[in-house]
Amino acid sequence: MTNAMGDALSGVREVELTVTGRRTGRQIARPVWFVQADDNVFLVPVTGSDSQWYKNVRQTPMVQLAVDGTALSSSATPITDADQVANIVAMFCDKYGADQFESYYPKHDVAVQVPLG
């Protein structure tokens, strides 16, 4: 499954993230930007630790990533270490452009790691 998802993510700008709502328990899907490194996908919530989907992940870490008909369920790990977050932000800036990143992501104090395997 790792290879299929890794291949599906190649050259793609966004992935569909599905999280479980904290209050409703419903599945909530949204397109998000991502970066891939080794066997992990890293996500940065647009409004950082204030983002609703980030709060949902903290309560229920099981998420689904989907792109072009390929889906993967995995357990997401919040990242709050400033150095790790800075490294992930740098990868986002490389992929999407620093201007784009800064305009869409006003607060980037946290990130999320989703293993592909």
PDB file of N, CA and C in Angstrom:
ATOM      1  N   MET A   1       0.831  -1.201   0.000  1.00  0.00           N
ATOM      2  CA  MET A   1       0.000   0.000   0.000  1.00  0.00           C
ATOM      3  C   MET A   1       0.871   1.258   0.000  1.00  0.00           C
ATOM      4  N   THR A   2       1.993   1.173   0.720  1.00  0.00           N
ATOM      5  CA  THR A   2       2.878   2.328   0.808  1.00  0.00           C
ATOM      6  C   THR A   2       3.268   2.823  -0.573  1.00  0.00           C
ATOM      7  N   ASN A   3       3.693   1.896  -1.439  1.00  0.00           N
ATOM      8  CA  ASN A   3       4.144   2.306  -2.761  1.00  0.00           C
ATOM      9  C   ASN A   3       3.018   2.912  -3.576  1.00  0.00           C
ATOM     10  N   ALA A   4       1.822   2.309  -3.497  1.00  0.00           N
ATOM     11  CA  ALA A   4       0.684   2.831  -4.263  1.00  0.00           C
ATOM     12  C   ALA A   4       0.373   4.259  -3.829  1.00  0.00           C
ATOM     13  N   MET A   5       0.350   4.509  -2.533  1.00  0.00           N
ATOM     14  CA  MET A   5       0.036   5.849  -2.050  1.00  0.00           C
ATOM     15  C   MET A   5       1.184   6.800  -2.378  1.00  0.00           C
ATOM     16  N   GLY A   6       2.405   6.357  -2.176  1.00  0.00           N
ATOM     17  CA  GLY A   6       3.558   7.188  -2.512  1.00  0.00           C
ATOM     18  C   GLY A   6       3.560   7.565  -3.981  1.00  0.00           C
ATOM     19  N   ASP A   7       3.252   6.608  -4.850  1.00  0.00           N
ATOM     20  CA  ASP A   7       3.181   6.874  -6.295  1.00  0.00           C
ATOM     21  C   ASP A   7       2.046   7.843  -6.607  1.00  0.00           C
ATOM     22  N   ALA A   8       0.894   7.641  -5.962  1.00  0.00           N
ATOM     23  CA  ALA A   8      -0.277   8.483  -6.223  1.00  0.00           C
ATOM     24  C   ALA A   8      -0.003   9.940  -5.831  1.00  0.00           C
ATOM     25  N   LEU A   9       0.836  10.136  -4.804  1.00  0.00           N
ATOM     26  CA  LEU A   9       1.121  11.487  -4.316  1.00  0.00           C
ATOM     27  C   LEU A   9       2.146  12.221  -5.172  1.00  0.00           C
ATOM     28  N   SER A  10       2.883  11.470  -5.974  1.00  0.00           N
ATOM     29  CA  SER A  10       3.947  12.074  -6.766  1.00  0.00           C
ATOM     30  C   SER A  10       3.388  13.102  -7.746  1.00  0.00           C
ATOM     31  N   GLY A  11       3.886  14.322  -7.662  1.00  0.00           N
ATOM     32  CA  GLY A  11       3.468  15.369  -8.586  1.00  0.00           C
ATOM     33  C   GLY A  11       2.116  15.987  -8.291  1.00  0.00           C
ATOM     34  N   VAL A  12       1.499  15.618  -7.159  1.00  0.00           N
ATOM     35  CA  VAL A  12       0.177  16.124  -6.798  1.00  0.00           C
ATOM     36  C   VAL A  12       0.335  17.306  -5.834  1.00  0.00           C
ATOM     37  N   ARG A  13      -0.504  18.328  -6.009  1.00  0.00           N
ATOM     38  CA  ARG A  13      -0.398  19.520  -5.149  1.00  0.00           C
ATOM     39  C   ARG A  13      -1.204  19.416  -3.857  1.00  0.00           C
ATOM     40  N   GLU A  14      -2.303  18.650  -3.886  1.00  0.00           N
ATOM     41  CA  GLU A  14      -3.071  18.510  -2.655  1.00  0.00           C
ATOM     42  C   GLU A  14      -3.651  17.122  -2.526  1.00  0.00           C
ATOM     43  N   VAL A  15      -3.960  16.773  -1.291  1.00  0.00           N
ATOM     44  CA  VAL A  15      -4.505  15.462  -0.969  1.00  0.00           C
ATOM     45  C   VAL A  15      -5.776  15.703  -0.159  1.00  0.00           C
ATOM     46  N   GLU A  16      -6.713  14.766  -0.242  1.00  0.00           N
ATOM     47  CA  GLU A  16      -7.922  14.894   0.570  1.00  0.00           C
ATOM     48  C   GLU A  16      -7.681  14.249   1.931  1.00  0.00           C
ATOM     49  N   LEU A  17      -7.855  15.045   2.963  1.00  0.00           N
ATOM     50  CA  LEU A  17      -7.684  14.588   4.340  1.00  0.00           C
ATOM     51  C   LEU A  17      -9.061  14.396   4.962  1.00  0.00           C
ATOM     52  N   THR A  18      -9.299  13.236   5.550  1.00  0.00           N
ATOM     53  CA  THR A  18     -10.549  12.977   6.256  1.00  0.00           C
ATOM     54  C   THR A  18     -10.242  12.765   7.733  1.00  0.00           C
ATOM     55  N   VAL A  19     -10.892  13.556   8.576  1.00  0.00           N
ATOM     56  CA  VAL A  19     -10.726  13.444  10.023  1.00  0.00           C
ATOM     57  C   VAL A  19     -12.081  13.170  10.649  1.00  0.00           C
ATOM     58  N   THR A  20     -12.078  12.785  11.928  1.00  0.00           N
ATOM     59  CA  THR A  20     -13.310  12.534  12.673  1.00  0.00           C
ATOM     60  C   THR A  20     -13.621  13.748  13.531  1.00  0.00           C
ATOM     61  N   GLY A  21     -14.814  14.287  13.380  1.00  0.00           N
ATOM     62  CA  GLY A  21     -15.219  15.473  14.140  1.00  0.00           C
ATOM     63  C   GLY A  21     -15.220  15.211  15.637  1.00  0.00           C
ATOM     64  N   ARG A  22     -14.706  16.166  16.412  1.00  0.00           N
ATOM     65  CA  ARG A  22     -14.619  16.012  17.873  1.00  0.00           C
ATOM     66  C   ARG A  22     -15.993  15.891  18.514  1.00  0.00           C
ATOM     67  N   ARG A  23     -16.914  16.712  18.044  1.00  0.00           N
ATOM     68  CA  ARG A  23     -18.240  16.738  18.680  1.00  0.00           C
ATOM     69  C   ARG A  23     -19.221  15.815  17.969  1.00  0.00           C
ATOM     70  N   THR A  24     -19.165  15.794  16.640  1.00  0.00           N
ATOM     71  CA  THR A  24     -20.174  15.061  15.877  1.00  0.00           C
ATOM     72  C   THR A  24     -19.808  13.599  15.664  1.00  0.00           C
ATOM     73  N   GLY A  25     -18.509  13.293  15.662  1.00  0.00           N
ATOM     74  CA  GLY A  25     -18.071  11.941  15.341  1.00  0.00           C
ATOM     75  C   GLY A  25     -18.179  11.637  13.856  1.00  0.00           C
ATOM     76  N   ARG A  26     -18.572  12.653  13.054  1.00  0.00           N
ATOM     77  CA  ARG A  26     -18.721  12.451  11.611  1.00  0.00           C
ATOM     78  C   ARG A  26     -17.379  12.557  10.914  1.00  0.00           C
ATOM     79  N   GLN A  27     -17.310  11.950   9.746  1.00  0.00           N
ATOM     80  CA  GLN A  27     -16.121  12.050   8.911  1.00  0.00           C
ATOM     81  C   GLN A  27     -16.166  13.375   8.157  1.00  0.00           C
ATOM     82  N   ILE A  28     -15.095  14.148   8.237  1.00  0.00           N
ATOM     83  CA  ILE A  28     -15.018  15.461   7.600  1.00  0.00           C
ATOM     84  C   ILE A  28     -13.828  15.446   6.646  1.00  0.00           C
ATOM     85  N   ALA A  29     -14.097  15.693   5.366  1.00  0.00           N
ATOM     86  CA  ALA A  29     -13.038  15.665   4.352  1.00  0.00           C
ATOM     87  C   ALA A  29     -12.753  17.073   3.856  1.00  0.00           C
ATOM     88  N   ARG A  30     -11.476  17.340   3.590  1.00  0.00           N
ATOM     89  CA  ARG A  30     -11.078  18.641   3.053  1.00  0.00           C
ATOM     90  C   ARG A  30      -9.786  18.459   2.279  1.00  0.00           C
ATOM     91  N   PRO A  31      -9.601  19.256   1.219  1.00  0.00           N
ATOM     92  CA  PRO A  31      -8.336  19.204   0.495  1.00  0.00           C
ATOM     93  C   PRO A  31      -7.271  19.981   1.277  1.00  0.00           C
ATOM     94  N   VAL A  32      -6.082  19.417   1.363  1.00  0.00           N
ATOM     95  CA  VAL A  32      -4.980  20.089   2.065  1.00  0.00           C
ATOM     96  C   VAL A  32      -3.697  19.961   1.257  1.00  0.00           C
ATOM     97  N   TRP A  33      -2.820  20.938   1.443  1.00  0.00           N
ATOM     98  CA  TRP A  33      -1.474  20.843   0.882  1.00  0.00           C
ATOM     99  C   TRP A  33      -0.662  19.889   1.745  1.00  0.00           C
ATOM    100  N   PHE A  34       0.369  19.315   1.161  1.00  0.00           N
ATOM    101  CA  PHE A  34       1.184  18.342   1.896  1.00  0.00           C
ATOM    102  C   PHE A  34       2.597  18.327   1.326  1.00  0.00           C
ATOM    103  N   VAL A  35       3.514  17.772   2.097  1.00  0.00           N
ATOM    104  CA  VAL A  35       4.825  17.413   1.581  1.00  0.00           C
ATOM    105  C   VAL A  35       5.082  15.969   1.984  1.00  0.00           C
ATOM    106  N   GLN A  36       5.859  15.297   1.148  1.00  0.00           N
ATOM    107  CA  GLN A  36       6.186  13.897   1.401  1.00  0.00           C
ATOM    108  C   GLN A  36       7.684  13.791   1.617  1.00  0.00           C
ATOM    109  N   ALA A  37       8.076  13.079   2.671  1.00  0.00           N
ATOM    110  CA  ALA A  37       9.490  12.831   2.938  1.00  0.00           C
ATOM    111  C   ALA A  37       9.609  11.411   3.454  1.00  0.00           C
ATOM    112  N   ASP A  38      10.467  10.637   2.792  1.00  0.00           N
ATOM    113  CA  ASP A  38      10.609   9.217   3.126  1.00  0.00           C
ATOM    114  C   ASP A  38       9.240   8.561   3.060  1.00  0.00           C
ATOM    115  N   ASP A  39       8.839   7.870   4.113  1.00  0.00           N
ATOM    116  CA  ASP A  39       7.550   7.177   4.096  1.00  0.00           C
ATOM    117  C   ASP A  39       6.509   7.917   4.920  1.00  0.00           C
ATOM    118  N   ASN A  40       6.597   9.239   4.906  1.00  0.00           N
ATOM    119  CA  ASN A  40       5.652  10.050   5.678  1.00  0.00           C
ATOM    120  C   ASN A  40       5.104  11.180   4.825  1.00  0.00           C
ATOM    121  N   VAL A  41       3.875  11.566   5.157  1.00  0.00           N
ATOM    122  CA  VAL A  41       3.285  12.781   4.614  1.00  0.00           C
ATOM    123  C   VAL A  41       3.202  13.759   5.781  1.00  0.00           C
ATOM    124  N   PHE A  42       3.584  15.009   5.503  1.00  0.00           N
ATOM    125  CA  PHE A  42       3.499  16.043   6.528  1.00  0.00           C
ATOM    126  C   PHE A  42       2.484  17.088   6.101  1.00  0.00           C
ATOM    127  N   LEU A  43       1.664  17.504   7.060  1.00  0.00           N
ATOM    128  CA  LEU A  43       0.618  18.494   6.829  1.00  0.00           C
ATOM    129  C   LEU A  43       0.833  19.662   7.773  1.00  0.00           C
ATOM    130  N   VAL A  44       0.489  20.854   7.309  1.00  0.00           N
ATOM    131  CA  VAL A  44       0.519  22.039   8.163  1.00  0.00           C
ATOM    132  C   VAL A  44      -0.885  22.621   8.157  1.00  0.00           C
ATOM    133  N   PRO A  45      -1.531  22.714   9.330  1.00  0.00           N
ATOM    134  CA  PRO A  45      -2.858  23.317   9.373  1.00  0.00           C
ATOM    135  C   PRO A  45      -2.771  24.808   9.033  1.00  0.00           C
ATOM    136  N   VAL A  46      -3.706  25.290   8.231  1.00  0.00           N
ATOM    137  CA  VAL A  46      -3.654  26.672   7.750  1.00  0.00           C
ATOM    138  C   VAL A  46      -3.607  27.681   8.901  1.00  0.00           C
ATOM    139  N   THR A  47      -4.397  27.461   9.938  1.00  0.00           N
ATOM    140  CA  THR A  47      -4.363  28.376  11.083  1.00  0.00           C
ATOM    141  C   THR A  47      -3.684  27.722  12.281  1.00  0.00           C
ATOM    142  N   GLY A  48      -2.728  26.861  11.994  1.00  0.00           N
ATOM    143  CA  GLY A  48      -1.925  26.249  13.047  1.00  0.00           C
ATOM    144  C   GLY A  48      -2.756  25.482  14.054  1.00  0.00           C
ATOM    145  N   SER A  49      -2.374  25.629  15.323  1.00  0.00           N
ATOM    146  CA  SER A  49      -3.045  24.873  16.389  1.00  0.00           C
ATOM    147  C   SER A  49      -4.490  25.311  16.590  1.00  0.00           C
ATOM    148  N   ASP A  50      -4.911  26.415  15.954  1.00  0.00           N
ATOM    149  CA  ASP A  50      -6.309  26.846  16.024  1.00  0.00           C
ATOM    150  C   ASP A  50      -7.192  26.140  14.989  1.00  0.00           C
ATOM    151  N   SER A  51      -6.584  25.439  14.036  1.00  0.00           N
ATOM    152  CA  SER A  51      -7.349  24.784  12.966  1.00  0.00           C
ATOM    153  C   SER A  51      -8.252  23.699  13.542  1.00  0.00           C
ATOM    154  N   GLN A  52      -9.493  23.673  13.048  1.00  0.00           N
ATOM    155  CA  GLN A  52     -10.442  22.674  13.535  1.00  0.00           C
ATOM    156  C   GLN A  52      -9.969  21.255  13.247  1.00  0.00           C
ATOM    157  N   TRP A  53      -9.456  21.008  12.036  1.00  0.00           N
ATOM    158  CA  TRP A  53      -9.062  19.628  11.724  1.00  0.00           C
ATOM    159  C   TRP A  53      -7.877  19.193  12.579  1.00  0.00           C
ATOM    160  N   TYR A  54      -7.013  20.131  12.953  1.00  0.00           N
ATOM    161  CA  TYR A  54      -5.891  19.789  13.841  1.00  0.00           C
ATOM    162  C   TYR A  54      -6.417  19.393  15.225  1.00  0.00           C
ATOM    163  N   LYS A  55      -7.391  20.135  15.730  1.00  0.00           N
ATOM    164  CA  LYS A  55      -7.995  19.801  17.024  1.00  0.00           C
ATOM    165  C   LYS A  55      -8.669  18.428  16.955  1.00  0.00           C
ATOM    166  N   ASN A  56      -9.297  18.137  15.814  1.00  0.00           N
ATOM    167  CA  ASN A  56      -9.927  16.819  15.639  1.00  0.00           C
ATOM    168  C   ASN A  56      -8.889  15.707  15.664  1.00  0.00           C
ATOM    169  N   VAL A  57      -7.748  15.933  14.990  1.00  0.00           N
ATOM    170  CA  VAL A  57      -6.682  14.921  14.952  1.00  0.00           C
ATOM    171  C   VAL A  57      -6.131  14.671  16.352  1.00  0.00           C
ATOM    172  N   ARG A  58      -6.021  15.722  17.149  1.00  0.00           N
ATOM    173  CA  ARG A  58      -5.517  15.553  18.516  1.00  0.00           C
ATOM    174  C   ARG A  58      -6.440  14.643  19.333  1.00  0.00           C
ATOM    175  N   GLN A  59      -7.733  14.708  19.059  1.00  0.00           N
ATOM    176  CA  GLN A  59      -8.680  13.870  19.798  1.00  0.00           C
ATOM    177  C   GLN A  59      -8.773  12.468  19.188  1.00  0.00           C
ATOM    178  N   THR A  60      -8.843  12.398  17.857  1.00  0.00           N
ATOM    179  CA  THR A  60      -8.956  11.107  17.159  1.00  0.00           C
ATOM    180  C   THR A  60      -7.887  11.072  16.077  1.00  0.00           C
ATOM    181  N   PRO A  61      -6.728  10.433  16.369  1.00  0.00           N
ATOM    182  CA  PRO A  61      -5.604  10.515  15.434  1.00  0.00           C
ATOM    183  C   PRO A  61      -5.769   9.718  14.136  1.00  0.00           C
ATOM    184  N   MET A  62      -6.747   8.814  14.061  1.00  0.00           N
ATOM    185  CA  MET A  62      -6.902   8.036  12.835  1.00  0.00           C
ATOM    186  C   MET A  62      -7.466   8.929  11.735  1.00  0.00           C
ATOM    187  N   VAL A  63      -6.737   9.021  10.620  1.00  0.00           N
ATOM    188  CA  VAL A  63      -7.150   9.865   9.501  1.00  0.00           C
ATOM    189  C   VAL A  63      -7.101   9.045   8.220  1.00  0.00           C
ATOM    190  N   GLN A  64      -7.666   9.603   7.173  1.00  0.00           N
ATOM    191  CA  GLN A  64      -7.536   8.997   5.854  1.00  0.00           C
ATOM    192  C   GLN A  64      -6.999  10.043   4.892  1.00  0.00           C
ATOM    193  N   LEU A  65      -6.047   9.621   4.059  1.00  0.00           N
ATOM    194  CA  LEU A  65      -5.561  10.436   2.961  1.00  0.00           C
ATOM    195  C   LEU A  65      -6.047   9.798   1.676  1.00  0.00           C
ATOM    196  N   ALA A  66      -6.504  10.600   0.726  1.00  0.00           N
ATOM    197  CA  ALA A  66      -6.973  10.060  -0.542  1.00  0.00           C
ATOM    198  C   ALA A  66      -6.550  10.977  -1.679  1.00  0.00           C
ATOM    199  N   VAL A  67      -6.138  10.346  -2.782  1.00  0.00           N
ATOM    200  CA  VAL A  67      -5.802  11.090  -3.989  1.00  0.00           C
ATOM    201  C   VAL A  67      -6.010  10.177  -5.186  1.00  0.00           C
ATOM    202  N   ASP A  68      -6.723  10.665  -6.182  1.00  0.00           N
ATOM    203  CA  ASP A  68      -6.917   9.922  -7.437  1.00  0.00           C
ATOM    204  C   ASP A  68      -7.343   8.470  -7.231  1.00  0.00           C
ATOM    205  N   GLY A  69      -8.278   8.243  -6.307  1.00  0.00           N
ATOM    206  CA  GLY A  69      -8.805   6.894  -6.114  1.00  0.00           C
ATOM    207  C   GLY A  69      -7.972   6.003  -5.220  1.00  0.00           C
ATOM    208  N   THR A  70      -6.829   6.479  -4.760  1.00  0.00           N
ATOM    209  CA  THR A  70      -6.010   5.720  -3.823  1.00  0.00           C
ATOM    210  C   THR A  70      -6.210   6.317  -2.439  1.00  0.00           C
ATOM    211  N   ALA A  71      -6.490   5.453  -1.456  1.00  0.00           N
ATOM    212  CA  ALA A  71      -6.735   5.935  -0.097  1.00  0.00           C
ATOM    213  C   ALA A  71      -5.890   5.160   0.896  1.00  0.00           C
ATOM    214  N   LEU A  72      -5.573   5.820   1.980  1.00  0.00           N
ATOM    215  CA  LEU A  72      -4.771   5.217   3.038  1.00  0.00           C
ATOM    216  C   LEU A  72      -5.301   5.687   4.377  1.00  0.00           C
ATOM    217  N   SER A  73      -5.556   4.755   5.277  1.00  0.00           N
ATOM    218  CA  SER A  73      -5.893   5.121   6.656  1.00  0.00           C
ATOM    219  C   SER A  73      -4.640   4.953   7.494  1.00  0.00           C
ATOM    220  N   SER A  74      -4.379   5.934   8.343  1.00  0.00           N
ATOM    221  CA  SER A  74      -3.172   5.899   9.148  1.00  0.00           C
ATOM    222  C   SER A  74      -3.387   6.732  10.399  1.00  0.00           C
ATOM    223  N   SER A  75      -2.502   6.569  11.364  1.00  0.00           N
ATOM    224  CA  SER A  75      -2.599   7.328  12.600  1.00  0.00           C
ATOM    225  C   SER A  75      -1.704   8.558  12.510  1.00  0.00           C
ATOM    226  N   ALA A  76      -2.288   9.725  12.654  1.00  0.00           N
ATOM    227  CA  ALA A  76      -1.555  10.986  12.534  1.00  0.00           C
ATOM    228  C   ALA A  76      -0.936  11.361  13.874  1.00  0.00           C
ATOM    229  N   THR A  77       0.257  11.944  13.815  1.00  0.00           N
ATOM    230  CA  THR A  77       0.956  12.384  15.011  1.00  0.00           C
ATOM    231  C   THR A  77       1.156  13.897  14.954  1.00  0.00           C
ATOM    232  N   PRO A  78       0.579  14.636  15.904  1.00  0.00           N
ATOM    233  CA  PRO A  78       0.823  16.078  15.953  1.00  0.00           C
ATOM    234  C   PRO A  78       2.298  16.353  16.266  1.00  0.00           C
ATOM    235  N   ILE A  79       2.853  17.366  15.615  1.00  0.00           N
ATOM    236  CA  ILE A  79       4.232  17.781  15.854  1.00  0.00           C
ATOM    237  C   ILE A  79       4.191  19.206  16.385  1.00  0.00           C
ATOM    238  N   THR A  80       4.746  19.393  17.587  1.00  0.00           N
ATOM    239  CA  THR A  80       4.742  20.716  18.197  1.00  0.00           C
ATOM    240  C   THR A  80       6.157  21.251  18.408  1.00  0.00           C
ATOM    241  N   ASP A  81       7.166  20.422  18.204  1.00  0.00           N
ATOM    242  CA  ASP A  81       8.558  20.857  18.357  1.00  0.00           C
ATOM    243  C   ASP A  81       8.888  21.918  17.302  1.00  0.00           C
ATOM    244  N   ALA A  82       9.332  23.091  17.753  1.00  0.00           N
ATOM    245  CA  ALA A  82       9.526  24.235  16.850  1.00  0.00           C
ATOM    246  C   ALA A  82      10.512  23.933  15.726  1.00  0.00           C
ATOM    247  N   ASP A  83      11.592  23.207  16.018  1.00  0.00           N
ATOM    248  CA  ASP A  83      12.585  22.899  14.984  1.00  0.00           C
ATOM    249  C   ASP A  83      12.003  21.972  13.926  1.00  0.00           C
ATOM    250  N   GLN A  84      11.264  20.957  14.379  1.00  0.00           N
ATOM    251  CA  GLN A  84      10.637  20.030  13.424  1.00  0.00           C
ATOM    252  C   GLN A  84       9.621  20.769  12.558  1.00  0.00           C
ATOM    253  N   VAL A  85       8.810  21.614  13.182  1.00  0.00           N
ATOM    254  CA  VAL A  85       7.808  22.378  12.430  1.00  0.00           C
ATOM    255  C   VAL A  85       8.509  23.276  11.413  1.00  0.00           C
ATOM    256  N   ALA A  86       9.606  23.921  11.819  1.00  0.00           N
ATOM    257  CA  ALA A  86      10.346  24.811  10.911  1.00  0.00           C
ATOM    258  C   ALA A  86      10.871  24.040   9.702  1.00  0.00           C
ATOM    259  N   ASN A  87      11.354  22.821   9.915  1.00  0.00           N
ATOM    260  CA  ASN A  87      11.836  21.992   8.801  1.00  0.00           C
ATOM    261  C   ASN A  87      10.707  21.659   7.837  1.00  0.00           C
ATOM    262  N   ILE A  88       9.533  21.337   8.372  1.00  0.00           N
ATOM    263  CA  ILE A  88       8.379  21.002   7.537  1.00  0.00           C
ATOM    264  C   ILE A  88       7.904  22.242   6.778  1.00  0.00           C
ATOM    265  N   VAL A  89       7.878  23.386   7.452  1.00  0.00           N
ATOM    266  CA  VAL A  89       7.503  24.644   6.800  1.00  0.00           C
ATOM    267  C   VAL A  89       8.467  24.933   5.646  1.00  0.00           C
ATOM    268  N   ALA A  90       9.755  24.692   5.861  1.00  0.00           N
ATOM    269  CA  ALA A  90      10.743  24.915   4.791  1.00  0.00           C
ATOM    270  C   ALA A  90      10.443  24.022   3.589  1.00  0.00           C
ATOM    271  N   MET A  91      10.035  22.764   3.841  1.00  0.00           N
ATOM    272  CA  MET A  91       9.676  21.860   2.737  1.00  0.00           C
ATOM    273  C   MET A  91       8.445  22.371   1.998  1.00  0.00           C
ATOM    274  N   PHE A  92       7.462  22.892   2.740  1.00  0.00           N
ATOM    275  CA  PHE A  92       6.269  23.472   2.123  1.00  0.00           C
ATOM    276  C   PHE A  92       6.657  24.653   1.236  1.00  0.00           C
ATOM    277  N   CYS A  93       7.547  25.515   1.737  1.00  0.00           N
ATOM    278  CA  CYS A  93       7.977  26.689   0.973  1.00  0.00           C
ATOM    279  C   CYS A  93       8.698  26.267  -0.300  1.00  0.00           C
ATOM    280  N   ASP A  94       9.494  25.196  -0.209  1.00  0.00           N
ATOM    281  CA  ASP A  94      10.182  24.688  -1.399  1.00  0.00           C
ATOM    282  C   ASP A  94       9.181  24.188  -2.436  1.00  0.00           C
ATOM    283  N   LYS A  95       8.143  23.503  -1.963  1.00  0.00           N
ATOM    284  CA  LYS A  95       7.179  22.893  -2.882  1.00  0.00           C
ATOM    285  C   LYS A  95       6.211  23.918  -3.466  1.00  0.00           C
ATOM    286  N   TYR A  96       5.682  24.790  -2.622  1.00  0.00           N
ATOM    287  CA  TYR A  96       4.595  25.679  -3.040  1.00  0.00           C
ATOM    288  C   TYR A  96       5.043  27.123  -3.263  1.00  0.00           C
ATOM    289  N   GLY A  97       6.258  27.449  -2.811  1.00  0.00           N
ATOM    290  CA  GLY A  97       6.732  28.830  -2.890  1.00  0.00           C
ATOM    291  C   GLY A  97       6.487  29.548  -1.576  1.00  0.00           C
ATOM    292  N   ALA A  98       7.498  30.257  -1.099  1.00  0.00           N
ATOM    293  CA  ALA A  98       7.394  30.924   0.200  1.00  0.00           C
ATOM    294  C   ALA A  98       6.268  31.961   0.220  1.00  0.00           C
ATOM    295  N   ASP A  99       6.104  32.710  -0.885  1.00  0.00           N
ATOM    296  CA  ASP A  99       5.049  33.732  -0.924  1.00  0.00           C
ATOM    297  C   ASP A  99       3.670  33.091  -0.785  1.00  0.00           C
ATOM    298  N   GLN A 100       3.451  32.025  -1.551  1.00  0.00           N
ATOM    299  CA  GLN A 100       2.165  31.311  -1.483  1.00  0.00           C
ATOM    300  C   GLN A 100       1.941  30.784  -0.077  1.00  0.00           C
ATOM    301  N   PHE A 101       2.970  30.136   0.479  1.00  0.00           N
ATOM    302  CA  PHE A 101       2.822  29.545   1.812  1.00  0.00           C
ATOM    303  C   PHE A 101       2.466  30.618   2.834  1.00  0.00           C
ATOM    304  N   GLU A 102       3.224  31.700   2.840  1.00  0.00           N
ATOM    305  CA  GLU A 102       2.990  32.757   3.832  1.00  0.00           C
ATOM    306  C   GLU A 102       1.605  33.376   3.679  1.00  0.00           C
ATOM    307  N   SER A 103       1.107  33.494   2.439  1.00  0.00           N
ATOM    308  CA  SER A 103      -0.200  34.114   2.251  1.00  0.00           C
ATOM    309  C   SER A 103      -1.343  33.195   2.691  1.00  0.00           C
ATOM    310  N   TYR A 104      -1.155  31.889   2.578  1.00  0.00           N
ATOM    311  CA  TYR A 104      -2.221  30.945   2.947  1.00  0.00           C
ATOM    312  C   TYR A 104      -2.123  30.454   4.391  1.00  0.00           C
ATOM    313  N   TYR A 105      -0.937  30.525   4.974  1.00  0.00           N
ATOM    314  CA  TYR A 105      -0.701  29.948   6.302  1.00  0.00           C
ATOM    315  C   TYR A 105      -0.241  31.040   7.266  1.00  0.00           C
ATOM    316  N   PRO A 106      -1.183  31.818   7.822  1.00  0.00           N
ATOM    317  CA  PRO A 106      -0.806  32.924   8.700  1.00  0.00           C
ATOM    318  C   PRO A 106      -0.161  32.456  10.010  1.00  0.00           C
ATOM    319  N   LYS A 107      -0.501  31.262  10.445  1.00  0.00           N
ATOM    320  CA  LYS A 107       0.036  30.746  11.707  1.00  0.00           C
ATOM    321  C   LYS A 107       0.550  29.333  11.450  1.00  0.00           C
ATOM    322  N   HIS A 108       1.828  29.111  11.722  1.00  0.00           N
ATOM    323  CA  HIS A 108       2.355  27.753  11.529  1.00  0.00           C
ATOM    324  C   HIS A 108       3.191  27.339  12.732  1.00  0.00           C
ATOM    325  N   ASP A 109       2.469  27.038  13.816  1.00  0.00           N
ATOM    326  CA  ASP A 109       3.121  26.630  15.064  1.00  0.00           C
ATOM    327  C   ASP A 109       3.119  25.117  15.267  1.00  0.00           C
ATOM    328  N   VAL A 110       2.409  24.398  14.421  1.00  0.00           N
ATOM    329  CA  VAL A 110       2.327  22.937  14.548  1.00  0.00           C
ATOM    330  C   VAL A 110       2.316  22.310  13.149  1.00  0.00           C
ATOM    331  N   ALA A 111       2.540  21.003  13.127  1.00  0.00           N
ATOM    332  CA  ALA A 111       2.431  20.227  11.895  1.00  0.00           C
ATOM    333  C   ALA A 111       1.884  18.851  12.288  1.00  0.00           C
ATOM    334  N   VAL A 112       1.617  18.033  11.273  1.00  0.00           N
ATOM    335  CA  VAL A 112       1.094  16.689  11.517  1.00  0.00           C
ATOM    336  C   VAL A 112       1.851  15.717  10.620  1.00  0.00           C
ATOM    337  N   GLN A 113       2.240  14.594  11.197  1.00  0.00           N
ATOM    338  CA  GLN A 113       2.929  13.538  10.454  1.00  0.00           C
ATOM    339  C   GLN A 113       1.976  12.369  10.267  1.00  0.00           C
ATOM    340  N   VAL A 114       1.877  11.895   9.018  1.00  0.00           N
ATOM    341  CA  VAL A 114       1.044  10.734   8.711  1.00  0.00           C
ATOM    342  C   VAL A 114       1.928   9.694   8.015  1.00  0.00           C
ATOM    343  N   PRO A 115       2.230   8.575   8.709  1.00  0.00           N
ATOM    344  CA  PRO A 115       3.046   7.539   8.078  1.00  0.00           C
ATOM    345  C   PRO A 115       2.312   6.857   6.931  1.00  0.00           C
ATOM    346  N   LEU A 116       3.040   6.572   5.868  1.00  0.00           N
ATOM    347  CA  LEU A 116       2.443   5.909   4.706  1.00  0.00           C
ATOM    348  C   LEU A 116       2.480   4.379   4.826  1.00  0.00           C
ATOM    349  N   GLY A 117       3.182   3.862   5.823  1.00  0.00           N
ATOM    350  CA  GLY A 117       3.290   2.401   5.921  1.00  0.00           C
ATOM    351  C   GLY A 117       3.021   1.890   7.296  1.00  0.00           C
TER     352      GLY A 117
END
